[in-house]
PDB file of N, CA and C in Angstrom:
ATOM      1  N   MET A   1      -7.877-198.056 205.727  1.00  0.00           N
ATOM      2  CA  MET A   1      -8.839-198.756 204.707  1.00  0.00           C
ATOM      3  C   MET A   1      -9.235-197.707 203.644  1.00  0.00           C
ATOM      4  N   GLU A   2      -9.254-196.620 203.937  1.00  0.00           N
ATOM      5  CA  GLU A   2      -9.946-195.647 202.848  1.00  0.00           C
ATOM      6  C   GLU A   2      -8.835-195.461 201.719  1.00  0.00           C
ATOM      7  N   LEU A   3      -7.362-195.709 202.269  1.00  0.00           N
ATOM      8  CA  LEU A   3      -6.770-195.729 201.217  1.00  0.00           C
ATOM      9  C   LEU A   3      -6.412-196.936 200.596  1.00  0.00           C
ATOM     10  N   GLU A   4      -6.840-197.725 200.879  1.00  0.00           N
ATOM     11  CA  GLU A   4      -6.705-198.994 200.189  1.00  0.00           C
ATOM     12  C   GLU A   4      -7.826-199.241 199.290  1.00  0.00           C
ATOM     13  N   ILE A   5      -9.008-198.634 199.579  1.00  0.00           N
ATOM     14  CA  ILE A   5     -10.264-198.255 198.843  1.00  0.00           C
ATOM     15  C   ILE A   5     -10.075-197.054 197.627  1.00  0.00           C
ATOM     16  N   GLN A   6      -9.035-196.033 197.753  1.00  0.00           N
ATOM     17  CA  GLN A   6      -8.971-195.432 196.925  1.00  0.00           C
ATOM     18  C   GLN A   6      -7.912-195.935 195.842  1.00  0.00           C
ATOM     19  N   THR A   7      -7.028-196.656 196.132  1.00  0.00           N
ATOM     20  CA  THR A   7      -6.342-196.978 195.597  1.00  0.00           C
ATOM     21  C   THR A   7      -6.635-198.131 194.484  1.00  0.00           C
ATOM     22  N   VAL A   8      -7.485-199.117 194.857  1.00  0.00           N
ATOM     23  CA  VAL A   8      -8.420-199.521 194.224  1.00  0.00           C
ATOM     24  C   VAL A   8      -9.240-199.032 193.048  1.00  0.00           C
ATOM     25  N   LEU A   9     -10.188-198.257 193.590  1.00  0.00           N
ATOM     26  CA  LEU A   9     -10.315-197.158 192.648  1.00  0.00           C
ATOM     27  C   LEU A   9      -9.750-196.217 191.442  1.00  0.00           C
ATOM     28  N   SER A  10      -8.488-196.043 192.016  1.00  0.00           N
ATOM     29  CA  SER A  10      -7.598-195.259 190.936  1.00  0.00           C
ATOM     30  C   SER A  10      -6.871-196.153 190.533  1.00  0.00           C
ATOM     31  N   ALA A  11      -6.768-197.082 190.202  1.00  0.00           N
ATOM     32  CA  ALA A  11      -5.912-198.275 189.985  1.00  0.00           C
ATOM     33  C   ALA A  11      -6.538-198.258 188.103  1.00  0.00           C
ATOM     34  N   PRO A  12      -5.426-198.101 187.168  1.00  0.00           N
ATOM     35  CA  PRO A  12      -5.795-198.504 185.451  1.00  0.00           C
ATOM     36  C   PRO A  12      -6.611-199.739 185.444  1.00  0.00           C
ATOM     37  N   ASP A  13      -6.085-200.818 185.929  1.00  0.00           N
ATOM     38  CA  ASP A  13      -6.407-201.940 185.721  1.00  0.00           C
ATOM     39  C   ASP A  13      -7.730-202.114 186.776  1.00  0.00           C
ATOM     40  N   THR A  14      -8.418-201.769 187.379  1.00  0.00           N
ATOM     41  CA  THR A  14      -9.561-201.761 188.090  1.00  0.00           C
ATOM     42  C   THR A  14     -10.849-201.524 186.989  1.00  0.00           C
ATOM     43  N   SER A  15     -11.667-202.517 186.809  1.00  0.00           N
ATOM     44  CA  SER A  15     -12.750-202.599 186.138  1.00  0.00           C
ATOM     45  C   SER A  15     -13.872-201.498 185.996  1.00  0.00           C
ATOM     46  N   ARG A  16     -14.108-201.190 185.550  1.00  0.00           N
ATOM     47  CA  ARG A  16     -15.429-199.927 185.543  1.00  0.00           C
ATOM     48  C   ARG A  16     -16.356-200.776 186.581  1.00  0.00           C
ATOM     49  N   TRP A  17     -16.937-201.609 186.162  1.00  0.00           N
ATOM     50  CA  TRP A  17     -17.712-202.981 187.202  1.00  0.00           C
ATOM     51  C   TRP A  17     -17.772-202.738 188.196  1.00  0.00           C
ATOM     52  N   LEU A  18     -16.306-203.032 188.981  1.00  0.00           N
ATOM     53  CA  LEU A  18     -16.126-203.073 190.457  1.00  0.00           C
ATOM     54  C   LEU A  18     -15.812-201.475 190.914  1.00  0.00           C
ATOM     55  N   CYS A  19     -15.439-200.741 190.134  1.00  0.00           N
ATOM     56  CA  CYS A  19     -15.531-199.420 190.329  1.00  0.00           C
ATOM     57  C   CYS A  19     -16.707-198.676 190.583  1.00  0.00           C
ATOM     58  N   ASP A  20     -17.868-198.812 189.916  1.00  0.00           N
ATOM     59  CA  ASP A  20     -19.102-198.762 190.176  1.00  0.00           C
ATOM     60  C   ASP A  20     -20.173-199.299 191.499  1.00  0.00           C
ATOM     61  N   ALA A  21     -19.240-200.758 191.256  1.00  0.00           N
ATOM     62  CA  ALA A  21     -20.036-201.434 192.547  1.00  0.00           C
ATOM     63  C   ALA A  21     -19.458-201.289 193.658  1.00  0.00           C
ATOM     64  N   LEU A  22     -18.081-200.635 193.698  1.00  0.00           N
ATOM     65  CA  LEU A  22     -17.620-200.090 195.079  1.00  0.00           C
ATOM     66  C   LEU A  22     -17.868-198.665 195.619  1.00  0.00           C
ATOM     67  N   ASN A  23     -18.104-197.826 194.445  1.00  0.00           N
ATOM     68  CA  ASN A  23     -18.605-196.300 195.084  1.00  0.00           C
ATOM     69  C   ASN A  23     -20.238-196.643 195.302  1.00  0.00           C
ATOM     70  N   SER A  24     -20.890-197.458 194.543  1.00  0.00           N
ATOM     71  CA  SER A  24     -22.235-197.733 195.155  1.00  0.00           C
ATOM     72  C   SER A  24     -22.235-198.206 196.795  1.00  0.00           C
ATOM     73  N   ALA A  25     -21.320-199.312 197.130  1.00  0.00           N
ATOM     74  CA  ALA A  25     -21.456-199.747 198.307  1.00  0.00           C
ATOM     75  C   ALA A  25     -21.407-199.071 199.396  1.00  0.00           C
ATOM     76  N   LEU A  26     -20.573-197.951 198.939  1.00  0.00           N
ATOM     77  CA  LEU A  26     -19.488-196.679 199.809  1.00  0.00           C
ATOM     78  C   LEU A  26     -20.821-195.899 200.166  1.00  0.00           C
ATOM     79  N   ASP A  27     -21.671-195.568 199.468  1.00  0.00           N
ATOM     80  CA  ASP A  27     -22.785-194.865 199.907  1.00  0.00           C
ATOM     81  C   ASP A  27     -23.971-195.766 200.648  1.00  0.00           C
ATOM     82  N   ARG A  28     -23.692-197.106 201.041  1.00  0.00           N
ATOM     83  CA  ARG A  28     -24.811-197.624 201.632  1.00  0.00           C
ATOM     84  C   ARG A  28     -24.423-198.365 203.043  1.00  0.00           C
ATOM     85  N   ASP A  29     -25.276-198.438 203.997  1.00  0.00           N
ATOM     86  CA  ASP A  29     -24.873-199.230 205.266  1.00  0.00           C
ATOM     87  C   ASP A  29     -23.598-200.046 205.086  1.00  0.00           C
ATOM     88  N   SER A  30     -23.088-200.186 205.737  1.00  0.00           N
ATOM     89  CA  SER A  30     -21.507-200.959 205.754  1.00  0.00           C
ATOM     90  C   SER A  30     -22.275-202.373 205.721  1.00  0.00           C
ATOM     91  N   THR A  31     -22.915-202.856 206.597  1.00  0.00           N
ATOM     92  CA  THR A  31     -23.395-204.050 206.781  1.00  0.00           C
ATOM     93  C   THR A  31     -24.263-204.439 205.782  1.00  0.00           C
ATOM     94  N   ASP A  32     -24.943-203.992 205.392  1.00  0.00           N
ATOM     95  CA  ASP A  32     -26.027-204.290 204.000  1.00  0.00           C
ATOM     96  C   ASP A  32     -25.200-204.612 202.946  1.00  0.00           C
ATOM     97  N   ALA A  33     -24.515-203.383 202.654  1.00  0.00           N
ATOM     98  CA  ALA A  33     -23.422-203.606 201.594  1.00  0.00           C
ATOM     99  C   ALA A  33     -22.718-205.023 201.701  1.00  0.00           C
ATOM    100  N   THR A  34     -21.874-205.283 202.790  1.00  0.00           N
ATOM    101  CA  THR A  34     -21.134-206.588 202.856  1.00  0.00           C
ATOM    102  C   THR A  34     -21.905-208.030 202.648  1.00  0.00           C
ATOM    103  N   ASN A  35     -23.040-207.854 203.281  1.00  0.00           N
ATOM    104  CA  ASN A  35     -24.357-208.854 202.866  1.00  0.00           C
ATOM    105  C   ASN A  35     -24.562-209.058 201.748  1.00  0.00           C
ATOM    106  N   ASP A  36     -24.504-207.838 200.741  1.00  0.00           N
ATOM    107  CA  ASP A  36     -25.305-208.476 199.401  1.00  0.00           C
ATOM    108  C   ASP A  36     -24.234-208.721 198.733  1.00  0.00           C
ATOM    109  N   ALA A  37     -22.650-207.932 198.963  1.00  0.00           N
ATOM    110  CA  ALA A  37     -21.534-208.594 198.350  1.00  0.00           C
ATOM    111  C   ALA A  37     -21.200-209.794 198.569  1.00  0.00           C
ATOM    112  N   GLU A  38     -21.458-210.687 199.609  1.00  0.00           N
ATOM    113  CA  GLU A  38     -21.453-211.876 200.462  1.00  0.00           C
ATOM    114  C   GLU A  38     -22.470-212.895 199.494  1.00  0.00           C
ATOM    115  N   TYR A  39     -23.726-212.263 199.330  1.00  0.00           N
ATOM    116  CA  TYR A  39     -24.754-213.015 198.577  1.00  0.00           C
ATOM    117  C   TYR A  39     -24.308-213.039 196.948  1.00  0.00           C
ATOM    118  N   LEU A  40     -23.968-211.900 196.830  1.00  0.00           N
ATOM    119  CA  LEU A  40     -23.485-211.914 195.038  1.00  0.00           C
ATOM    120  C   LEU A  40     -22.306-212.853 194.491  1.00  0.00           C
ATOM    121  N   CYS A  41     -21.301-213.045 195.605  1.00  0.00           N
ATOM    122  CA  CYS A  41     -19.896-213.430 195.449  1.00  0.00           C
ATOM    123  C   CYS A  41     -20.612-215.283 195.392  1.00  0.00           C
ATOM    124  N   ASP A  42     -21.572-215.466 196.400  1.00  0.00           N
ATOM    125  CA  ASP A  42     -21.887-216.758 196.369  1.00  0.00           C
ATOM    126  C   ASP A  42     -22.455-217.121 194.967  1.00  0.00           C
ATOM    127  N   LEU A  43     -23.888-216.458 194.688  1.00  0.00           N
ATOM    128  CA  LEU A  43     -24.094-216.583 193.263  1.00  0.00           C
ATOM    129  C   LEU A  43     -23.117-216.771 192.377  1.00  0.00           C
ATOM    130  N   LEU A  44     -22.240-216.009 192.261  1.00  0.00           N
ATOM    131  CA  LEU A  44     -21.586-215.736 191.194  1.00  0.00           C
ATOM    132  C   LEU A  44     -20.722-216.867 191.199  1.00  0.00           C
ATOM    133  N   THR A  45     -20.211-217.666 192.193  1.00  0.00           N
ATOM    134  CA  THR A  45     -19.359-218.820 192.351  1.00  0.00           C
ATOM    135  C   THR A  45     -20.444-219.703 191.934  1.00  0.00           C
ATOM    136  N   ARG A  46     -20.809-220.140 192.682  1.00  0.00           N
ATOM    137  CA  ARG A  46     -21.838-221.585 191.937  1.00  0.00           C
ATOM    138  C   ARG A  46     -22.337-221.299 190.618  1.00  0.00           C
ATOM    139  N   ARG A  47     -22.802-219.992 190.291  1.00  0.00           N
ATOM    140  CA  ARG A  47     -22.656-220.199 188.401  1.00  0.00           C
ATOM    141  C   ARG A  47     -21.557-220.471 187.818  1.00  0.00           C
ATOM    142  N   THR A  48     -20.462-219.992 188.085  1.00  0.00           N
ATOM    143  CA  THR A  48     -19.104-220.326 187.353  1.00  0.00           C
ATOM    144  C   THR A  48     -19.142-221.914 187.741  1.00  0.00           C
ATOM    145  N   ASN A  49     -18.933-222.742 189.128  1.00  0.00           N
ATOM    146  CA  ASN A  49     -18.646-223.823 188.929  1.00  0.00           C
ATOM    147  C   ASN A  49     -20.191-224.655 188.356  1.00  0.00           C
ATOM    148  N   ALA A  50     -21.238-224.201 188.009  1.00  0.00           N
ATOM    149  CA  ALA A  50     -22.117-224.868 187.096  1.00  0.00           C
ATOM    150  C   ALA A  50     -21.388-224.654 185.539  1.00  0.00           C
ATOM    151  N   LEU A  51     -21.313-223.340 185.477  1.00  0.00           N
ATOM    152  CA  LEU A  51     -20.719-223.418 184.038  1.00  0.00           C
ATOM    153  C   LEU A  51     -19.598-224.361 183.526  1.00  0.00           C
ATOM    154  N   SER A  52     -18.702-224.185 184.591  1.00  0.00           N
ATOM    155  CA  SER A  52     -17.358-225.459 184.432  1.00  0.00           C
ATOM    156  C   SER A  52     -17.831-226.654 183.940  1.00  0.00           C
ATOM    157  N   LEU A  53     -18.878-226.938 185.249  1.00  0.00           N
ATOM    158  CA  LEU A  53     -19.621-228.679 184.625  1.00  0.00           C
ATOM    159  C   LEU A  53     -20.045-229.176 183.840  1.00  0.00           C
ATOM    160  N   ALA A  54     -20.745-227.932 183.302  1.00  0.00           N
ATOM    161  CA  ALA A  54     -21.535-227.988 182.085  1.00  0.00           C
ATOM    162  C   ALA A  54     -20.561-228.082 181.116  1.00  0.00           C
ATOM    163  N   SER A  55     -19.512-227.296 180.903  1.00  0.00           N
ATOM    164  CA  SER A  55     -18.256-227.303 179.688  1.00  0.00           C
ATOM    165  C   SER A  55     -17.579-228.938 179.981  1.00  0.00           C
ATOM    166  N   GLU A  56     -17.190-229.213 180.939  1.00  0.00           N
ATOM    167  CA  GLU A  56     -16.881-229.979 181.298  1.00  0.00           C
ATOM    168  C   GLU A  56     -17.716-231.583 180.834  1.00  0.00           C
ATOM    169  N   ALA A  57     -18.863-231.548 180.898  1.00  0.00           N
ATOM    170  CA  ALA A  57     -19.736-232.605 180.229  1.00  0.00           C
ATOM    171  C   ALA A  57     -20.215-232.602 179.218  1.00  0.00           C
ATOM    172  N   SER A  58     -19.889-231.244 178.278  1.00  0.00           N
ATOM    173  CA  SER A  58     -19.723-231.631 176.629  1.00  0.00           C
ATOM    174  C   SER A  58     -18.486-231.723 176.212  1.00  0.00           C
ATOM    175  N   TRP A  59     -17.536-231.834 176.853  1.00  0.00           N
ATOM    176  CA  TRP A  59     -16.395-232.580 176.500  1.00  0.00           C
ATOM    177  C   TRP A  59     -16.239-233.858 176.775  1.00  0.00           C
ATOM    178  N   ASP A  60     -16.868-234.247 177.701  1.00  0.00           N
ATOM    179  CA  ASP A  60     -17.092-235.771 177.653  1.00  0.00           C
ATOM    180  C   ASP A  60     -18.008-236.368 176.865  1.00  0.00           C
ATOM    181  N   ASP A  61     -18.874-235.800 176.418  1.00  0.00           N
ATOM    182  CA  ASP A  61     -19.740-236.018 175.298  1.00  0.00           C
ATOM    183  C   ASP A  61     -19.020-236.290 174.003  1.00  0.00           C
ATOM    184  N   GLN A  62     -18.074-235.693 173.477  1.00  0.00           N
ATOM    185  CA  GLN A  62     -17.832-235.540 172.392  1.00  0.00           C
ATOM    186  C   GLN A  62     -16.708-237.117 171.996  1.00  0.00           C
TER     187      GLN A  62
END
């Protein structure tokens, strides 16, 4: 697992945001970090879905 984490952190195509988030998570309790990451994933997924629906609706109005 540690090797995979280091691979992600050192990959040139890994975003700065992901590296920062991962490094921050590694300094925290792993259960708390996982719970927060799952909550963030849920929020971002629902936001993306809402934006997609709004975009589709605007295309339908044209």
